[in-house]
Amino acid sequence: PTYTVKDDGHRLIVFVHGLAGHRGNFLPMQKYFAWMGRTQSVSVGFPNTNSIEEMAKHLRHTIKRLVEENDLPSENGIDIVAHSMGGIITRLALQDPEIASQVHTFITLATPHNGTQLARYVDTLKIKELRPSSALLQKLDYQLPWGNNPNMPRLICFWTPNDLILLPPESAIADGAEAICLPESSHLSFVLKPEIWGKILRILNPHLLEESPKKKAA
């Protein structure tokens, strides 16, 4: 596949979907971002695999291809927005120092950074890896508390106390990361609600909403 995207003058946004999701999950958010001026974005699809590690390898490969084919800066040229398990996939990808240096801001939406007790009721490999204290999550503990390693990107964790997939809901907060609580949200509405998309965009581009096409037209 081609990884060429049109430059919009901003960092490239890479969207990473969660368990049982697909790249189309982010299409509404991508269209909203494009309307607001962030047209340079890619939603990553993954090959059929039961391994989160393999998905992380695919994400690393995709990011490297994006940097190469679009002549992106070698540092801080990418923002990542990941939903649910997509945040764990991304954290595994960030184990590669080259990938970590290329990411400026990493936003997770209801990601089980500390696992979820709900995963104890399903016996598939991917879901077992999302159990609290799984071998995979313990492998990522060296990244915490977030912020200790200056070579890692800024991490912002969106979470909601009404999350019925993450038990407890606070597991969406990585130790040391910035946390944003949205009580009006659910696990899935992070990718569905325009008001939440606006909050995400305001983090990525604090002044972009003030210069949106609607306001320019007015």
C-alpha atoms as a PDB file:
ATOM      1  CA  PRO A   1       0.000   0.000   0.000  1.00  0.00           C
ATOM      2  CA  THR A   2       1.013   3.607  -0.521  1.00  0.00           C
ATOM      3  CA  TYR A   3       1.759   5.695   2.553  1.00  0.00           C
ATOM      4  CA  THR A   4       1.855   9.069   0.825  1.00  0.00           C
ATOM      5  CA  VAL A   5      -0.323  11.805   2.354  1.00  0.00           C
ATOM      6  CA  LYS A   6      -0.729  15.451   1.432  1.00  0.00           C
ATOM      7  CA  ASP A   7       1.161  17.900   3.652  1.00  0.00           C
ATOM      8  CA  ASP A   8      -1.128  20.290   5.553  1.00  0.00           C
ATOM      9  CA  GLY A   9       1.610  22.208   7.371  1.00  0.00           C
ATOM     10  CA  HIS A  10       1.029  20.311  10.627  1.00  0.00           C
ATOM     11  CA  ARG A  11       2.311  17.082  12.123  1.00  0.00           C
ATOM     12  CA  LEU A  12       0.965  13.872  10.625  1.00  0.00           C
ATOM     13  CA  ILE A  13      -1.733  12.265  12.794  1.00  0.00           C
ATOM     14  CA  VAL A  14      -1.688   8.472  13.076  1.00  0.00           C
ATOM     15  CA  PHE A  15      -4.879   6.846  14.422  1.00  0.00           C
ATOM     16  CA  VAL A  16      -4.660   3.394  16.037  1.00  0.00           C
ATOM     17  CA  HIS A  17      -7.853   1.404  16.663  1.00  0.00           C
ATOM     18  CA  GLY A  18      -8.604  -0.979  19.498  1.00  0.00           C
ATOM     19  CA  LEU A  19      -9.711  -4.569  20.019  1.00  0.00           C
ATOM     20  CA  ALA A  20     -12.240  -5.784  17.436  1.00  0.00           C
ATOM     21  CA  GLY A  21     -11.996  -2.378  15.739  1.00  0.00           C
ATOM     22  CA  HIS A  22     -10.883  -1.351  12.286  1.00  0.00           C
ATOM     23  CA  ARG A  23      -9.354   1.673  10.596  1.00  0.00           C
ATOM     24  CA  GLY A  24     -12.822   3.014   9.712  1.00  0.00           C
ATOM     25  CA  ASN A  25     -13.555   3.625  13.406  1.00  0.00           C
ATOM     26  CA  PHE A  26     -11.690   6.933  13.112  1.00  0.00           C
ATOM     27  CA  LEU A  27     -13.211   8.076   9.804  1.00  0.00           C
ATOM     28  CA  PRO A  28     -15.694  10.543  11.416  1.00  0.00           C
ATOM     29  CA  MET A  29     -12.920  12.015  13.586  1.00  0.00           C
ATOM     30  CA  GLN A  30     -10.592  12.236  10.583  1.00  0.00           C
ATOM     31  CA  LYS A  31     -13.223  14.134   8.600  1.00  0.00           C
ATOM     32  CA  TYR A  32     -13.772  16.522  11.513  1.00  0.00           C
ATOM     33  CA  PHE A  33     -10.039  17.095  11.875  1.00  0.00           C
ATOM     34  CA  ALA A  34      -9.748  17.689   8.115  1.00  0.00           C
ATOM     35  CA  TRP A  35     -12.536  20.274   8.285  1.00  0.00           C
ATOM     36  CA  MET A  36     -10.591  22.020  11.027  1.00  0.00           C
ATOM     37  CA  GLY A  37      -7.343  22.019   9.045  1.00  0.00           C
ATOM     38  CA  ARG A  38      -5.644  18.755  10.056  1.00  0.00           C
ATOM     39  CA  THR A  39      -6.017  16.954   6.727  1.00  0.00           C
ATOM     40  CA  GLN A  40      -2.770  14.988   7.009  1.00  0.00           C
ATOM     41  CA  SER A  41      -3.797  11.805   8.827  1.00  0.00           C
ATOM     42  CA  VAL A  42      -3.657   8.027   8.487  1.00  0.00           C
ATOM     43  CA  SER A  43      -5.765   5.405  10.235  1.00  0.00           C
ATOM     44  CA  VAL A  44      -3.753   2.206  10.566  1.00  0.00           C
ATOM     45  CA  GLY A  45      -5.212  -1.198   9.710  1.00  0.00           C
ATOM     46  CA  PHE A  46      -3.653  -4.401  10.997  1.00  0.00           C
ATOM     47  CA  PRO A  47      -3.178  -7.894   9.543  1.00  0.00           C
ATOM     48  CA  ASN A  48      -5.252 -10.671  11.077  1.00  0.00           C
ATOM     49  CA  THR A  49      -3.241 -11.768  14.109  1.00  0.00           C
ATOM     50  CA  ASN A  50      -3.822 -12.787  17.715  1.00  0.00           C
ATOM     51  CA  SER A  51      -0.623 -11.099  18.870  1.00  0.00           C
ATOM     52  CA  ILE A  52      -0.474  -7.534  20.171  1.00  0.00           C
ATOM     53  CA  GLU A  53       3.302  -7.724  19.675  1.00  0.00           C
ATOM     54  CA  GLU A  54       2.801  -8.436  15.960  1.00  0.00           C
ATOM     55  CA  MET A  55       0.407  -5.497  15.700  1.00  0.00           C
ATOM     56  CA  ALA A  56       3.058  -3.293  17.314  1.00  0.00           C
ATOM     57  CA  LYS A  57       5.618  -4.474  14.744  1.00  0.00           C
ATOM     58  CA  HIS A  58       3.177  -3.574  11.970  1.00  0.00           C
ATOM     59  CA  LEU A  59       2.651  -0.125  13.505  1.00  0.00           C
ATOM     60  CA  ARG A  60       6.420   0.451  13.684  1.00  0.00           C
ATOM     61  CA  HIS A  61       6.767  -0.541  10.037  1.00  0.00           C
ATOM     62  CA  THR A  62       3.888   1.737   9.031  1.00  0.00           C
ATOM     63  CA  ILE A  63       5.323   4.743  10.888  1.00  0.00           C
ATOM     64  CA  LYS A  64       8.749   4.222   9.331  1.00  0.00           C
ATOM     65  CA  ARG A  65       7.167   4.032   5.869  1.00  0.00           C
ATOM     66  CA  LEU A  66       5.149   7.182   6.547  1.00  0.00           C
ATOM     67  CA  VAL A  67       8.252   9.086   7.631  1.00  0.00           C
ATOM     68  CA  GLU A  68      10.222   7.869   4.630  1.00  0.00           C
ATOM     69  CA  GLU A  69       7.612   8.343   1.905  1.00  0.00           C
ATOM     70  CA  ASN A  70       6.449  11.751   3.138  1.00  0.00           C
ATOM     71  CA  ASP A  71       9.879  13.133   4.012  1.00  0.00           C
ATOM     72  CA  LEU A  72       8.738  13.842   7.577  1.00  0.00           C
ATOM     73  CA  PRO A  73      11.117  15.284  10.173  1.00  0.00           C
ATOM     74  CA  SER A  74      13.229  12.659  11.917  1.00  0.00           C
ATOM     75  CA  GLU A  75      11.955  13.979  15.255  1.00  0.00           C
ATOM     76  CA  ASN A  76       8.522  15.106  16.481  1.00  0.00           C
ATOM     77  CA  GLY A  77       6.809  14.849  13.098  1.00  0.00           C
ATOM     78  CA  ILE A  78       3.901  12.656  14.214  1.00  0.00           C
ATOM     79  CA  ASP A  79       0.993  12.760  16.654  1.00  0.00           C
ATOM     80  CA  ILE A  80      -0.742   9.517  17.629  1.00  0.00           C
ATOM     81  CA  VAL A  81      -4.365   9.116  18.763  1.00  0.00           C
ATOM     82  CA  ALA A  82      -5.122   5.574  19.964  1.00  0.00           C
ATOM     83  CA  HIS A  83      -8.350   4.026  21.223  1.00  0.00           C
ATOM     84  CA  SER A  84      -8.470   1.292  23.861  1.00  0.00           C
ATOM     85  CA  MET A  85      -6.031  -1.555  23.041  1.00  0.00           C
ATOM     86  CA  GLY A  86      -4.533   0.685  20.342  1.00  0.00           C
ATOM     87  CA  GLY A  87      -2.758   2.545  23.134  1.00  0.00           C
ATOM     88  CA  ILE A  88      -1.042  -0.662  24.292  1.00  0.00           C
ATOM     89  CA  ILE A  89      -0.046  -1.437  20.691  1.00  0.00           C
ATOM     90  CA  THR A  90       1.437   2.060  20.468  1.00  0.00           C
ATOM     91  CA  ARG A  91       3.335   1.778  23.752  1.00  0.00           C
ATOM     92  CA  LEU A  92       4.925  -1.432  22.471  1.00  0.00           C
ATOM     93  CA  ALA A  93       5.847   0.338  19.223  1.00  0.00           C
ATOM     94  CA  LEU A  94       7.443   3.139  21.252  1.00  0.00           C
ATOM     95  CA  GLN A  95       9.954   0.642  22.635  1.00  0.00           C
ATOM     96  CA  ASP A  96      11.842   1.400  19.426  1.00  0.00           C
ATOM     97  CA  PRO A  97      13.779   4.628  20.203  1.00  0.00           C
ATOM     98  CA  GLU A  98      13.520   5.680  16.555  1.00  0.00           C
ATOM     99  CA  ILE A  99       9.712   5.531  16.720  1.00  0.00           C
ATOM    100  CA  ALA A 100       9.635   7.299  20.087  1.00  0.00           C
ATOM    101  CA  SER A 101      11.711  10.191  18.724  1.00  0.00           C
ATOM    102  CA  GLN A 102       9.310  10.654  15.822  1.00  0.00           C
ATOM    103  CA  VAL A 103       6.211  11.094  18.011  1.00  0.00           C
ATOM    104  CA  HIS A 104       5.432  14.515  19.488  1.00  0.00           C
ATOM    105  CA  THR A 105       2.131  13.872  21.286  1.00  0.00           C
ATOM    106  CA  PHE A 106       0.502  10.539  22.133  1.00  0.00           C
ATOM    107  CA  ILE A 107      -3.171  10.591  23.166  1.00  0.00           C
ATOM    108  CA  THR A 108      -4.898   7.481  24.473  1.00  0.00           C
ATOM    109  CA  LEU A 109      -8.675   7.124  24.665  1.00  0.00           C
ATOM    110  CA  ALA A 110      -9.842   4.588  27.256  1.00  0.00           C
ATOM    111  CA  THR A 111      -6.669   2.515  26.981  1.00  0.00           C
ATOM    112  CA  PRO A 112      -6.208  -0.201  29.641  1.00  0.00           C
ATOM    113  CA  HIS A 113      -2.734   0.946  30.688  1.00  0.00           C
ATOM    114  CA  ASN A 114      -3.120  -1.055  33.890  1.00  0.00           C
ATOM    115  CA  GLY A 115      -5.209  -3.822  32.359  1.00  0.00           C
ATOM    116  CA  THR A 116      -8.885  -4.584  32.914  1.00  0.00           C
ATOM    117  CA  GLN A 117     -10.472  -7.198  35.157  1.00  0.00           C
ATOM    118  CA  LEU A 118     -13.013  -7.852  32.402  1.00  0.00           C
ATOM    119  CA  ALA A 119     -10.229  -9.565  30.427  1.00  0.00           C
ATOM    120  CA  ARG A 120     -10.234 -12.392  33.000  1.00  0.00           C
ATOM    121  CA  TYR A 121     -13.522 -13.653  31.536  1.00  0.00           C
ATOM    122  CA  VAL A 122     -12.180 -14.281  28.007  1.00  0.00           C
ATOM    123  CA  ASP A 123      -9.444 -16.764  27.119  1.00  0.00           C
ATOM    124  CA  THR A 124      -8.074 -15.471  23.808  1.00  0.00           C
ATOM    125  CA  LEU A 125      -4.398 -14.499  23.605  1.00  0.00           C
ATOM    126  CA  LYS A 126      -4.983 -10.799  22.884  1.00  0.00           C
ATOM    127  CA  ILE A 127      -7.475 -10.367  25.710  1.00  0.00           C
ATOM    128  CA  LYS A 128      -5.377 -12.350  28.209  1.00  0.00           C
ATOM    129  CA  GLU A 129      -2.589  -9.871  27.508  1.00  0.00           C
ATOM    130  CA  LEU A 130      -4.907  -7.100  28.730  1.00  0.00           C
ATOM    131  CA  ARG A 131      -5.363  -8.665  32.168  1.00  0.00           C
ATOM    132  CA  PRO A 132      -3.861  -6.668  35.060  1.00  0.00           C
ATOM    133  CA  SER A 133      -0.215  -7.641  35.628  1.00  0.00           C
ATOM    134  CA  SER A 134      -0.041  -9.703  32.434  1.00  0.00           C
ATOM    135  CA  ALA A 135       3.464 -10.436  31.161  1.00  0.00           C
ATOM    136  CA  LEU A 136       2.949  -7.971  28.328  1.00  0.00           C
ATOM    137  CA  LEU A 137       1.853  -5.120  30.607  1.00  0.00           C
ATOM    138  CA  GLN A 138       4.692  -5.851  33.018  1.00  0.00           C
ATOM    139  CA  LYS A 139       7.053  -5.592  30.058  1.00  0.00           C
ATOM    140  CA  LEU A 140       5.887  -1.982  29.631  1.00  0.00           C
ATOM    141  CA  ASP A 141       6.328  -1.025  33.288  1.00  0.00           C
ATOM    142  CA  TYR A 142       9.794   0.360  32.586  1.00  0.00           C
ATOM    143  CA  GLN A 143       8.102   3.260  30.745  1.00  0.00           C
ATOM    144  CA  LEU A 144       6.464   4.386  34.003  1.00  0.00           C
ATOM    145  CA  PRO A 145       6.144   6.782  35.600  1.00  0.00           C
ATOM    146  CA  TRP A 146       5.678   8.498  32.275  1.00  0.00           C
ATOM    147  CA  GLY A 147       7.792  11.615  31.874  1.00  0.00           C
ATOM    148  CA  ASN A 148      10.950  10.193  33.427  1.00  0.00           C
ATOM    149  CA  ASN A 149      12.393   9.502  29.980  1.00  0.00           C
ATOM    150  CA  PRO A 150      12.799  12.789  28.046  1.00  0.00           C
ATOM    151  CA  ASN A 151      13.036  10.817  24.795  1.00  0.00           C
ATOM    152  CA  MET A 152       9.438   9.652  25.058  1.00  0.00           C
ATOM    153  CA  PRO A 153       6.541  11.738  23.696  1.00  0.00           C
ATOM    154  CA  ARG A 154       4.026  13.650  25.772  1.00  0.00           C
ATOM    155  CA  LEU A 155       1.228  11.292  26.881  1.00  0.00           C
ATOM    156  CA  ILE A 156      -2.342  12.387  27.602  1.00  0.00           C
ATOM    157  CA  CYS A 157      -4.826   9.771  28.830  1.00  0.00           C
ATOM    158  CA  PHE A 158      -8.549  10.375  28.317  1.00  0.00           C
ATOM    159  CA  TRP A 159     -10.735   8.301  30.637  1.00  0.00           C
ATOM    160  CA  THR A 160     -14.270   8.135  31.973  1.00  0.00           C
ATOM    161  CA  PRO A 161     -15.675   6.770  35.259  1.00  0.00           C
ATOM    162  CA  ASN A 162     -18.554   5.387  33.156  1.00  0.00           C
ATOM    163  CA  ASP A 163     -16.300   2.961  31.277  1.00  0.00           C
ATOM    164  CA  LEU A 164     -17.864  -0.516  31.478  1.00  0.00           C
ATOM    165  CA  ILE A 165     -15.018  -2.182  29.549  1.00  0.00           C
ATOM    166  CA  LEU A 166     -12.144  -1.028  31.751  1.00  0.00           C
ATOM    167  CA  LEU A 167     -12.528  -2.344  35.289  1.00  0.00           C
ATOM    168  CA  PRO A 168     -11.629  -0.261  37.173  1.00  0.00           C
ATOM    169  CA  PRO A 169     -12.060   2.733  34.833  1.00  0.00           C
ATOM    170  CA  GLU A 170      -9.011   4.424  36.376  1.00  0.00           C
ATOM    171  CA  SER A 171      -6.836   1.799  34.676  1.00  0.00           C
ATOM    172  CA  ALA A 172      -6.987   4.132  31.668  1.00  0.00           C
ATOM    173  CA  ILE A 173      -4.521   6.429  33.470  1.00  0.00           C
ATOM    174  CA  ALA A 174      -0.828   5.648  32.985  1.00  0.00           C
ATOM    175  CA  ASP A 175       1.279   6.561  36.011  1.00  0.00           C
ATOM    176  CA  GLY A 176       2.906   9.949  35.478  1.00  0.00           C
ATOM    177  CA  ALA A 177       0.906  10.873  32.365  1.00  0.00           C
ATOM    178  CA  GLU A 178      -1.534  13.743  32.020  1.00  0.00           C
ATOM    179  CA  ALA A 179      -5.110  12.580  32.616  1.00  0.00           C
ATOM    180  CA  ILE A 180      -8.366  14.077  31.333  1.00  0.00           C
ATOM    181  CA  CYS A 181     -11.607  12.782  32.848  1.00  0.00           C
ATOM    182  CA  LEU A 182     -14.774  13.004  30.742  1.00  0.00           C
ATOM    183  CA  PRO A 183     -17.694  11.789  32.895  1.00  0.00           C
ATOM    184  CA  GLU A 184     -20.150  12.264  30.018  1.00  0.00           C
ATOM    185  CA  SER A 185     -18.321   9.730  27.863  1.00  0.00           C
ATOM    186  CA  SER A 186     -18.426   5.938  27.562  1.00  0.00           C
ATOM    187  CA  HIS A 187     -15.747   3.554  26.312  1.00  0.00           C
ATOM    188  CA  LEU A 188     -16.906   3.856  22.702  1.00  0.00           C
ATOM    189  CA  SER A 189     -18.091   7.452  22.583  1.00  0.00           C
ATOM    190  CA  PHE A 190     -14.502   8.747  22.612  1.00  0.00           C
ATOM    191  CA  VAL A 191     -14.420   7.975  18.884  1.00  0.00           C
ATOM    192  CA  LEU A 192     -18.034   8.994  18.257  1.00  0.00           C
ATOM    193  CA  LYS A 193     -18.642  12.379  19.917  1.00  0.00           C
ATOM    194  CA  PRO A 194     -17.650  15.599  18.088  1.00  0.00           C
ATOM    195  CA  GLU A 195     -17.299  17.492  21.386  1.00  0.00           C
ATOM    196  CA  ILE A 196     -14.599  15.010  22.415  1.00  0.00           C
ATOM    197  CA  TRP A 197     -12.872  15.311  19.022  1.00  0.00           C
ATOM    198  CA  GLY A 198     -12.687  19.055  19.675  1.00  0.00           C
ATOM    199  CA  LYS A 199     -10.979  18.476  23.026  1.00  0.00           C
ATOM    200  CA  ILE A 200      -8.431  16.195  21.339  1.00  0.00           C
ATOM    201  CA  LEU A 201      -7.780  18.696  18.567  1.00  0.00           C
ATOM    202  CA  ARG A 202      -7.372  21.499  21.105  1.00  0.00           C
ATOM    203  CA  ILE A 203      -4.519  19.539  22.688  1.00  0.00           C
ATOM    204  CA  LEU A 204      -2.839  18.856  19.354  1.00  0.00           C
ATOM    205  CA  ASN A 205      -3.356  22.395  18.004  1.00  0.00           C
ATOM    206  CA  PRO A 206      -4.368  24.868  20.732  1.00  0.00           C
ATOM    207  CA  HIS A 207      -5.140  27.664  18.240  1.00  0.00           C
ATOM    208  CA  LEU A 208      -6.539  25.665  15.337  1.00  0.00           C
ATOM    209  CA  LEU A 209     -10.169  25.773  16.480  1.00  0.00           C
ATOM    210  CA  GLU A 210      -9.975  29.563  16.713  1.00  0.00           C
ATOM    211  CA  GLU A 211      -8.983  29.636  13.049  1.00  0.00           C
ATOM    212  CA  SER A 212     -11.451  26.992  11.838  1.00  0.00           C
ATOM    213  CA  PRO A 213     -12.986  27.257   8.344  1.00  0.00           C
ATOM    214  CA  LYS A 214     -16.380  28.120   9.883  1.00  0.00           C
ATOM    215  CA  LYS A 215     -14.969  31.150  11.653  1.00  0.00           C
ATOM    216  CA  LYS A 216     -12.976  32.192   8.604  1.00  0.00           C
ATOM    217  CA  ALA A 217     -16.129  32.018   6.497  1.00  0.00           C
ATOM    218  CA  ALA A 218     -17.956  34.195   9.012  1.00  0.00           C
END
